[in-house]
Amino acid sequence: MTNDLEAQTRRAMDGIKQTLESAGGSFKDVVHVFVLRARPRIGDIGKASAVINSYFAPFNHKPTSTTVAVLELGEPEQLIEIQMFAVVD
């Protein structure tokens, strides 16, 4: 895992995209995004948000979101964890 917030965010979002697609959904079906950021620095929220929002942009969709800063996550080098709630009809 690289020590790069944007790279970790893209990796997480790509995994979420695969999960959504396997359930017959897409980012347009997401109703809420919950983001945990470890060891935050000034400007981190903007970097992570830009990557996350780029996945929703093709659908012209912006779900509600919550972002929380924490001291650490499951792995020492992990900088971000993203959870999403989606409703797939």
PDB file of N, CA and C in Angstrom:
ATOM      1  N   MET A   1       0.852  -1.172   0.000  1.00  0.00           N
ATOM      2  CA  MET A   1       0.000   0.000   0.000  1.00  0.00           C
ATOM      3  C   MET A   1       0.895   1.232   0.000  1.00  0.00           C
ATOM      4  N   THR A   2       0.690   2.091  -0.976  1.00  0.00           N
ATOM      5  CA  THR A   2       1.504   3.302  -1.065  1.00  0.00           C
ATOM      6  C   THR A   2       1.062   4.335  -0.037  1.00  0.00           C
ATOM      7  N   ASN A   3       1.970   5.192   0.354  1.00  0.00           N
ATOM      8  CA  ASN A   3       1.661   6.265   1.305  1.00  0.00           C
ATOM      9  C   ASN A   3       1.160   7.483   0.532  1.00  0.00           C
ATOM     10  N   ASP A   4       0.132   7.271  -0.285  1.00  0.00           N
ATOM     11  CA  ASP A   4      -0.412   8.305  -1.165  1.00  0.00           C
ATOM     12  C   ASP A   4      -1.931   8.286  -1.037  1.00  0.00           C
ATOM     13  N   LEU A   5      -2.489   9.334  -0.453  1.00  0.00           N
ATOM     14  CA  LEU A   5      -3.923   9.393  -0.193  1.00  0.00           C
ATOM     15  C   LEU A   5      -4.747   9.254  -1.472  1.00  0.00           C
ATOM     16  N   GLU A   6      -4.362   9.954  -2.521  1.00  0.00           N
ATOM     17  CA  GLU A   6      -5.135   9.890  -3.766  1.00  0.00           C
ATOM     18  C   GLU A   6      -5.101   8.486  -4.376  1.00  0.00           C
ATOM     19  N   ALA A   7      -3.939   7.846  -4.363  1.00  0.00           N
ATOM     20  CA  ALA A   7      -3.824   6.486  -4.906  1.00  0.00           C
ATOM     21  C   ALA A   7      -4.657   5.505  -4.093  1.00  0.00           C
ATOM     22  N   GLN A   8      -4.620   5.626  -2.769  1.00  0.00           N
ATOM     23  CA  GLN A   8      -5.424   4.740  -1.929  1.00  0.00           C
ATOM     24  C   GLN A   8      -6.914   4.994  -2.133  1.00  0.00           C
ATOM     25  N   THR A   9      -7.286   6.250  -2.343  1.00  0.00           N
ATOM     26  CA  THR A   9      -8.691   6.584  -2.579  1.00  0.00           C
ATOM     27  C   THR A   9      -9.166   5.965  -3.891  1.00  0.00           C
ATOM     28  N   ARG A  10      -8.365   6.081  -4.947  1.00  0.00           N
ATOM     29  CA  ARG A  10      -8.719   5.465  -6.243  1.00  0.00           C
ATOM     30  C   ARG A  10      -8.844   3.948  -6.115  1.00  0.00           C
ATOM     31  N   ARG A  11      -7.924   3.349  -5.390  1.00  0.00           N
ATOM     32  CA  ARG A  11      -7.966   1.887  -5.200  1.00  0.00           C
ATOM     33  C   ARG A  11      -9.259   1.471  -4.485  1.00  0.00           C
ATOM     34  N   ALA A  12      -9.620   2.207  -3.446  1.00  0.00           N
ATOM     35  CA  ALA A  12     -10.859   1.907  -2.715  1.00  0.00           C
ATOM     36  C   ALA A  12     -12.078   2.106  -3.608  1.00  0.00           C
ATOM     37  N   MET A  13     -12.089   3.197  -4.362  1.00  0.00           N
ATOM     38  CA  MET A  13     -13.230   3.485  -5.236  1.00  0.00           C
ATOM     39  C   MET A  13     -13.356   2.444  -6.355  1.00  0.00           C
ATOM     40  N   ASP A  14     -12.238   1.968  -6.887  1.00  0.00           N
ATOM     41  CA  ASP A  14     -12.288   0.921  -7.913  1.00  0.00           C
ATOM     42  C   ASP A  14     -12.875  -0.364  -7.342  1.00  0.00           C
ATOM     43  N   GLY A  15     -12.530  -0.692  -6.101  1.00  0.00           N
ATOM     44  CA  GLY A  15     -13.104  -1.865  -5.447  1.00  0.00           C
ATOM     45  C   GLY A  15     -14.598  -1.708  -5.227  1.00  0.00           C
ATOM     46  N   ILE A  16     -15.019  -0.532  -4.821  1.00  0.00           N
ATOM     47  CA  ILE A  16     -16.447  -0.261  -4.625  1.00  0.00           C
ATOM     48  C   ILE A  16     -17.178  -0.336  -5.961  1.00  0.00           C
ATOM     49  N   LYS A  17     -16.563   0.178  -7.016  1.00  0.00           N
ATOM     50  CA  LYS A  17     -17.171   0.111  -8.349  1.00  0.00           C
ATOM     51  C   LYS A  17     -17.422  -1.339  -8.758  1.00  0.00           C
ATOM     52  N   GLN A  18     -16.451  -2.209  -8.522  1.00  0.00           N
ATOM     53  CA  GLN A  18     -16.615  -3.632  -8.847  1.00  0.00           C
ATOM     54  C   GLN A  18     -17.754  -4.249  -8.048  1.00  0.00           C
ATOM     55  N   THR A  19     -17.846  -3.898  -6.779  1.00  0.00           N
ATOM     56  CA  THR A  19     -18.921  -4.430  -5.932  1.00  0.00           C
ATOM     57  C   THR A  19     -20.279  -3.950  -6.417  1.00  0.00           C
ATOM     58  N   LEU A  20     -20.380  -2.664  -6.721  1.00  0.00           N
ATOM     59  CA  LEU A  20     -21.645  -2.124  -7.225  1.00  0.00           C
ATOM     60  C   LEU A  20     -22.054  -2.812  -8.530  1.00  0.00           C
ATOM     61  N   GLU A  21     -21.111  -2.945  -9.440  1.00  0.00           N
ATOM     62  CA  GLU A  21     -21.421  -3.568 -10.730  1.00  0.00           C
ATOM     63  C   GLU A  21     -21.818  -5.028 -10.579  1.00  0.00           C
ATOM     64  N   SER A  22     -21.203  -5.744  -9.645  1.00  0.00           N
ATOM     65  CA  SER A  22     -21.561  -7.153  -9.446  1.00  0.00           C
ATOM     66  C   SER A  22     -22.975  -7.292  -8.880  1.00  0.00           C
ATOM     67  N   ALA A  23     -23.472  -6.230  -8.247  1.00  0.00           N
ATOM     68  CA  ALA A  23     -24.841  -6.227  -7.715  1.00  0.00           C
ATOM     69  C   ALA A  23     -25.828  -5.619  -8.707  1.00  0.00           C
ATOM     70  N   GLY A  24     -25.347  -5.279  -9.915  1.00  0.00           N
ATOM     71  CA  GLY A  24     -26.219  -4.685 -10.926  1.00  0.00           C
ATOM     72  C   GLY A  24     -26.409  -3.195 -10.757  1.00  0.00           C
ATOM     73  N   GLY A  25     -25.534  -2.560 -10.012  1.00  0.00           N
ATOM     74  CA  GLY A  25     -25.674  -1.135  -9.760  1.00  0.00           C
ATOM     75  C   GLY A  25     -24.491  -0.338 -10.262  1.00  0.00           C
ATOM     76  N   SER A  26     -24.504   0.937  -9.921  1.00  0.00           N
ATOM     77  CA  SER A  26     -23.411   1.843 -10.266  1.00  0.00           C
ATOM     78  C   SER A  26     -23.396   2.957  -9.225  1.00  0.00           C
ATOM     79  N   PHE A  27     -22.513   3.897  -9.417  1.00  0.00           N
ATOM     80  CA  PHE A  27     -22.420   5.003  -8.464  1.00  0.00           C
ATOM     81  C   PHE A  27     -23.688   5.854  -8.428  1.00  0.00           C
ATOM     82  N   LYS A  28     -24.526   5.779  -9.440  1.00  0.00           N
ATOM     83  CA  LYS A  28     -25.786   6.536  -9.415  1.00  0.00           C
ATOM     84  C   LYS A  28     -26.745   5.979  -8.359  1.00  0.00           C
ATOM     85  N   ASP A  29     -26.503   4.753  -7.905  1.00  0.00           N
ATOM     86  CA  ASP A  29     -27.360   4.113  -6.904  1.00  0.00           C
ATOM     87  C   ASP A  29     -26.915   4.388  -5.468  1.00  0.00           C
ATOM     88  N   VAL A  30     -25.777   5.040  -5.292  1.00  0.00           N
ATOM     89  CA  VAL A  30     -25.250   5.313  -3.953  1.00  0.00           C
ATOM     90  C   VAL A  30     -26.041   6.452  -3.317  1.00  0.00           C
ATOM     91  N   VAL A  31     -26.473   6.236  -2.076  1.00  0.00           N
ATOM     92  CA  VAL A  31     -27.236   7.265  -1.371  1.00  0.00           C
ATOM     93  C   VAL A  31     -26.422   7.954  -0.274  1.00  0.00           C
ATOM     94  N   HIS A  32     -25.355   7.300   0.206  1.00  0.00           N
ATOM     95  CA  HIS A  32     -24.522   7.929   1.236  1.00  0.00           C
ATOM     96  C   HIS A  32     -23.099   7.369   1.163  1.00  0.00           C
ATOM     97  N   VAL A  33     -22.139   8.256   1.384  1.00  0.00           N
ATOM     98  CA  VAL A  33     -20.719   7.902   1.416  1.00  0.00           C
ATOM     99  C   VAL A  33     -20.187   8.234   2.804  1.00  0.00           C
ATOM    100  N   PHE A  34     -19.492   7.277   3.406  1.00  0.00           N
ATOM    101  CA  PHE A  34     -18.895   7.469   4.727  1.00  0.00           C
ATOM    102  C   PHE A  34     -17.387   7.278   4.576  1.00  0.00           C
ATOM    103  N   VAL A  35     -16.619   8.315   4.879  1.00  0.00           N
ATOM    104  CA  VAL A  35     -15.166   8.298   4.679  1.00  0.00           C
ATOM    105  C   VAL A  35     -14.455   8.451   6.018  1.00  0.00           C
ATOM    106  N   LEU A  36     -13.510   7.552   6.266  1.00  0.00           N
ATOM    107  CA  LEU A  36     -12.633   7.646   7.425  1.00  0.00           C
ATOM    108  C   LEU A  36     -11.233   7.947   6.908  1.00  0.00           C
ATOM    109  N   ARG A  37     -10.611   9.010   7.406  1.00  0.00           N
ATOM    110  CA  ARG A  37      -9.257   9.357   6.991  1.00  0.00           C
ATOM    111  C   ARG A  37      -8.329   9.296   8.192  1.00  0.00           C
ATOM    112  N   ALA A  38      -7.225   8.588   8.029  1.00  0.00           N
ATOM    113  CA  ALA A  38      -6.250   8.467   9.114  1.00  0.00           C
ATOM    114  C   ALA A  38      -5.153   9.511   8.959  1.00  0.00           C
ATOM    115  N   ARG A  39      -4.641   9.951  10.088  1.00  0.00           N
ATOM    116  CA  ARG A  39      -3.541  10.920  10.121  1.00  0.00           C
ATOM    117  C   ARG A  39      -3.748  12.073   9.142  1.00  0.00           C
ATOM    118  N   PRO A  40      -4.882  12.762   9.244  1.00  0.00           N
ATOM    119  CA  PRO A  40      -5.201  13.821   8.269  1.00  0.00           C
ATOM    120  C   PRO A  40      -4.232  14.998   8.340  1.00  0.00           C
ATOM    121  N   ARG A  41      -4.016  15.574   7.178  1.00  0.00           N
ATOM    122  CA  ARG A  41      -3.215  16.786   7.047  1.00  0.00           C
ATOM    123  C   ARG A  41      -4.066  17.834   6.343  1.00  0.00           C
ATOM    124  N   ILE A  42      -3.698  19.078   6.473  1.00  0.00           N
ATOM    125  CA  ILE A  42      -4.419  20.159   5.809  1.00  0.00           C
ATOM    126  C   ILE A  42      -4.461  19.867   4.310  1.00  0.00           C
ATOM    127  N   GLY A  43      -5.640  19.970   3.726  1.00  0.00           N
ATOM    128  CA  GLY A  43      -5.801  19.752   2.292  1.00  0.00           C
ATOM    129  C   GLY A  43      -6.196  18.332   1.910  1.00  0.00           C
ATOM    130  N   ASP A  44      -6.063  17.392   2.853  1.00  0.00           N
ATOM    131  CA  ASP A  44      -6.397  15.995   2.548  1.00  0.00           C
ATOM    132  C   ASP A  44      -7.849  15.806   2.143  1.00  0.00           C
ATOM    133  N   ILE A  45      -8.762  16.488   2.826  1.00  0.00           N
ATOM    134  CA  ILE A  45     -10.179  16.286   2.523  1.00  0.00           C
ATOM    135  C   ILE A  45     -10.482  16.682   1.082  1.00  0.00           C
ATOM    136  N   GLY A  46      -9.861  17.731   0.606  1.00  0.00           N
ATOM    137  CA  GLY A  46     -10.069  18.158  -0.771  1.00  0.00           C
ATOM    138  C   GLY A  46      -9.513  17.162  -1.771  1.00  0.00           C
ATOM    139  N   LYS A  47      -8.347  16.592  -1.477  1.00  0.00           N
ATOM    140  CA  LYS A  47      -7.740  15.606  -2.374  1.00  0.00           C
ATOM    141  C   LYS A  47      -8.599  14.352  -2.475  1.00  0.00           C
ATOM    142  N   ALA A  48      -9.017  13.840  -1.329  1.00  0.00           N
ATOM    143  CA  ALA A  48      -9.842  12.631  -1.322  1.00  0.00           C
ATOM    144  C   ALA A  48     -11.195  12.906  -1.968  1.00  0.00           C
ATOM    145  N   SER A  49     -11.798  14.034  -1.655  1.00  0.00           N
ATOM    146  CA  SER A  49     -13.114  14.377  -2.213  1.00  0.00           C
ATOM    147  C   SER A  49     -13.063  14.509  -3.728  1.00  0.00           C
ATOM    148  N   ALA A  50     -12.001  15.077  -4.254  1.00  0.00           N
ATOM    149  CA  ALA A  50     -11.874  15.231  -5.709  1.00  0.00           C
ATOM    150  C   ALA A  50     -11.863  13.870  -6.399  1.00  0.00           C
ATOM    151  N   VAL A  51     -11.140  12.926  -5.830  1.00  0.00           N
ATOM    152  CA  VAL A  51     -11.099  11.576  -6.412  1.00  0.00           C
ATOM    153  C   VAL A  51     -12.477  10.917  -6.302  1.00  0.00           C
ATOM    154  N   ILE A  52     -13.070  10.969  -5.123  1.00  0.00           N
ATOM    155  CA  ILE A  52     -14.384  10.347  -4.914  1.00  0.00           C
ATOM    156  C   ILE A  52     -15.418  10.964  -5.851  1.00  0.00           C
ATOM    157  N   ASN A  53     -15.461  12.281  -5.919  1.00  0.00           N
ATOM    158  CA  ASN A  53     -16.448  12.961  -6.765  1.00  0.00           C
ATOM    159  C   ASN A  53     -16.274  12.636  -8.246  1.00  0.00           C
ATOM    160  N   SER A  54     -15.059  12.331  -8.676  1.00  0.00           N
ATOM    161  CA  SER A  54     -14.832  12.004 -10.085  1.00  0.00           C
ATOM    162  C   SER A  54     -15.547  10.716 -10.491  1.00  0.00           C
ATOM    163  N   TYR A  55     -15.807   9.839  -9.552  1.00  0.00           N
ATOM    164  CA  TYR A  55     -16.523   8.593  -9.849  1.00  0.00           C
ATOM    165  C   TYR A  55     -18.030   8.834  -9.985  1.00  0.00           C
ATOM    166  N   PHE A  56     -18.528   9.885  -9.347  1.00  0.00           N
ATOM    167  CA  PHE A  56     -19.947  10.225  -9.428  1.00  0.00           C
ATOM    168  C   PHE A  56     -20.262  11.168 -10.582  1.00  0.00           C
ATOM    169  N   ALA A  57     -19.268  11.903 -11.047  1.00  0.00           N
ATOM    170  CA  ALA A  57     -19.463  12.925 -12.085  1.00  0.00           C
ATOM    171  C   ALA A  57     -20.148  12.408 -13.351  1.00  0.00           C
ATOM    172  N   PRO A  58     -19.791  11.221 -13.876  1.00  0.00           N
ATOM    173  CA  PRO A  58     -20.460  10.754 -15.106  1.00  0.00           C
ATOM    174  C   PRO A  58     -21.972  10.565 -14.929  1.00  0.00           C
ATOM    175  N   PHE A  59     -22.414  10.423 -13.686  1.00  0.00           N
ATOM    176  CA  PHE A  59     -23.838  10.213 -13.411  1.00  0.00           C
ATOM    177  C   PHE A  59     -24.522  11.505 -12.961  1.00  0.00           C
ATOM    178  N   ASN A  60     -23.748  12.611 -12.914  1.00  0.00           N
ATOM    179  CA  ASN A  60     -24.275  13.881 -12.433  1.00  0.00           C
ATOM    180  C   ASN A  60     -24.998  13.677 -11.097  1.00  0.00           C
ATOM    181  N   HIS A  61     -24.323  12.977 -10.196  1.00  0.00           N
ATOM    182  CA  HIS A  61     -24.924  12.546  -8.932  1.00  0.00           C
ATOM    183  C   HIS A  61     -23.958  12.848  -7.792  1.00  0.00           C
ATOM    184  N   LYS A  62     -24.491  13.381  -6.703  1.00  0.00           N
ATOM    185  CA  LYS A  62     -23.679  13.647  -5.526  1.00  0.00           C
ATOM    186  C   LYS A  62     -24.474  13.235  -4.284  1.00  0.00           C
ATOM    187  N   PRO A  63     -24.188  12.037  -3.754  1.00  0.00           N
ATOM    188  CA  PRO A  63     -24.917  11.568  -2.568  1.00  0.00           C
ATOM    189  C   PRO A  63     -24.493  12.328  -1.313  1.00  0.00           C
ATOM    190  N   THR A  64     -25.244  12.169  -0.250  1.00  0.00           N
ATOM    191  CA  THR A  64     -24.839  12.750   1.021  1.00  0.00           C
ATOM    192  C   THR A  64     -23.557  12.060   1.478  1.00  0.00           C
ATOM    193  N   SER A  65     -22.822  12.740   2.369  1.00  0.00           N
ATOM    194  CA  SER A  65     -21.564  12.146   2.813  1.00  0.00           C
ATOM    195  C   SER A  65     -21.218  12.572   4.229  1.00  0.00           C
ATOM    196  N   THR A  66     -20.396  11.739   4.844  1.00  0.00           N
ATOM    197  CA  THR A  66     -19.838  12.014   6.159  1.00  0.00           C
ATOM    198  C   THR A  66     -18.352  11.714   6.081  1.00  0.00           C
ATOM    199  N   THR A  67     -17.526  12.613   6.606  1.00  0.00           N
ATOM    200  CA  THR A  67     -16.085  12.389   6.657  1.00  0.00           C
ATOM    201  C   THR A  67     -15.622  12.542   8.102  1.00  0.00           C
ATOM    202  N   VAL A  68     -14.844  11.557   8.558  1.00  0.00           N
ATOM    203  CA  VAL A  68     -14.356  11.550   9.929  1.00  0.00           C
ATOM    204  C   VAL A  68     -12.842  11.354   9.905  1.00  0.00           C
ATOM    205  N   ALA A  69     -12.133  12.122  10.708  1.00  0.00           N
ATOM    206  CA  ALA A  69     -10.689  11.950  10.857  1.00  0.00           C
ATOM    207  C   ALA A  69     -10.426  11.064  12.072  1.00  0.00           C
ATOM    208  N   VAL A  70      -9.534  10.082  11.892  1.00  0.00           N
ATOM    209  CA  VAL A  70      -9.189   9.159  12.968  1.00  0.00           C
ATOM    210  C   VAL A  70      -7.666   9.081  13.081  1.00  0.00           C
ATOM    211  N   LEU A  71      -7.197   8.554  14.203  1.00  0.00           N
ATOM    212  CA  LEU A  71      -5.755   8.432  14.381  1.00  0.00           C
ATOM    213  C   LEU A  71      -5.160   7.364  13.473  1.00  0.00           C
ATOM    214  N   GLU A  72      -5.829   6.212  13.392  1.00  0.00           N
ATOM    215  CA  GLU A  72      -5.339   5.153  12.520  1.00  0.00           C
ATOM    216  C   GLU A  72      -6.469   4.225  12.127  1.00  0.00           C
ATOM    217  N   LEU A  73      -6.201   3.450  11.072  1.00  0.00           N
ATOM    218  CA  LEU A  73      -7.175   2.485  10.567  1.00  0.00           C
ATOM    219  C   LEU A  73      -6.596   1.086  10.757  1.00  0.00           C
ATOM    220  N   GLY A  74      -7.120   0.100  10.047  1.00  0.00           N
ATOM    221  CA  GLY A  74      -6.742  -1.296  10.252  1.00  0.00           C
ATOM    222  C   GLY A  74      -5.288  -1.645   9.987  1.00  0.00           C
ATOM    223  N   GLU A  75      -4.665  -0.986   9.036  1.00  0.00           N
ATOM    224  CA  GLU A  75      -3.262  -1.230   8.693  1.00  0.00           C
ATOM    225  C   GLU A  75      -2.471   0.045   8.962  1.00  0.00           C
ATOM    226  N   PRO A  76      -1.232  -0.070   9.405  1.00  0.00           N
ATOM    227  CA  PRO A  76      -0.456   1.135   9.734  1.00  0.00           C
ATOM    228  C   PRO A  76      -0.323   2.124   8.580  1.00  0.00           C
ATOM    229  N   GLU A  77      -0.218   1.626   7.348  1.00  0.00           N
ATOM    230  CA  GLU A  77      -0.042   2.530   6.209  1.00  0.00           C
ATOM    231  C   GLU A  77      -1.356   2.947   5.553  1.00  0.00           C
ATOM    232  N   GLN A  78      -2.480   2.462   6.064  1.00  0.00           N
ATOM    233  CA  GLN A  78      -3.788   2.788   5.487  1.00  0.00           C
ATOM    234  C   GLN A  78      -4.168   4.222   5.846  1.00  0.00           C
ATOM    235  N   LEU A  79      -4.479   5.022   4.813  1.00  0.00           N
ATOM    236  CA  LEU A  79      -4.831   6.426   5.016  1.00  0.00           C
ATOM    237  C   LEU A  79      -6.317   6.706   4.886  1.00  0.00           C
ATOM    238  N   ILE A  80      -7.072   5.787   4.254  1.00  0.00           N
ATOM    239  CA  ILE A  80      -8.486   6.054   4.010  1.00  0.00           C
ATOM    240  C   ILE A  80      -9.279   4.760   4.002  1.00  0.00           C
ATOM    241  N   GLU A  81     -10.501   4.846   4.460  1.00  0.00           N
ATOM    242  CA  GLU A  81     -11.468   3.761   4.334  1.00  0.00           C
ATOM    243  C   GLU A  81     -12.773   4.414   3.878  1.00  0.00           C
ATOM    244  N   ILE A  82     -13.414   3.786   2.909  1.00  0.00           N
ATOM    245  CA  ILE A  82     -14.646   4.336   2.352  1.00  0.00           C
ATOM    246  C   ILE A  82     -15.739   3.293   2.422  1.00  0.00           C
ATOM    247  N   GLN A  83     -16.876   3.687   2.955  1.00  0.00           N
ATOM    248  CA  GLN A  83     -18.065   2.833   2.984  1.00  0.00           C
ATOM    249  C   GLN A  83     -19.152   3.559   2.225  1.00  0.00           C
ATOM    250  N   MET A  84     -19.923   2.801   1.457  1.00  0.00           N
ATOM    251  CA  MET A  84     -21.035   3.408   0.723  1.00  0.00           C
ATOM    252  C   MET A  84     -22.296   2.591   0.925  1.00  0.00           C
ATOM    253  N   PHE A  85     -23.390   3.304   0.937  1.00  0.00           N
ATOM    254  CA  PHE A  85     -24.705   2.683   1.012  1.00  0.00           C
ATOM    255  C   PHE A  85     -25.408   2.958  -0.301  1.00  0.00           C
ATOM    256  N   ALA A  86     -25.874   1.896  -0.939  1.00  0.00           N
ATOM    257  CA  ALA A  86     -26.522   2.031  -2.241  1.00  0.00           C
ATOM    258  C   ALA A  86     -27.865   1.313  -2.231  1.00  0.00           C
ATOM    259  N   VAL A  87     -28.783   1.824  -3.037  1.00  0.00           N
ATOM    260  CA  VAL A  87     -30.075   1.188  -3.234  1.00  0.00           C
ATOM    261  C   VAL A  87     -30.149   0.806  -4.708  1.00  0.00           C
ATOM    262  N   VAL A  88     -30.096  -0.508  -4.958  1.00  0.00           N
ATOM    263  CA  VAL A  88     -30.131  -1.023  -6.343  1.00  0.00           C
ATOM    264  C   VAL A  88     -31.490  -1.628  -6.561  1.00  0.00           C
ATOM    265  N   ASP A  89     -32.237  -1.067  -7.515  1.00  0.00           N
ATOM    266  CA  ASP A  89     -33.584  -1.578  -7.811  1.00  0.00           C
ATOM    267  C   ASP A  89     -33.517  -2.781  -8.733  1.00  0.00           C
TER     268      ASP A  89
END
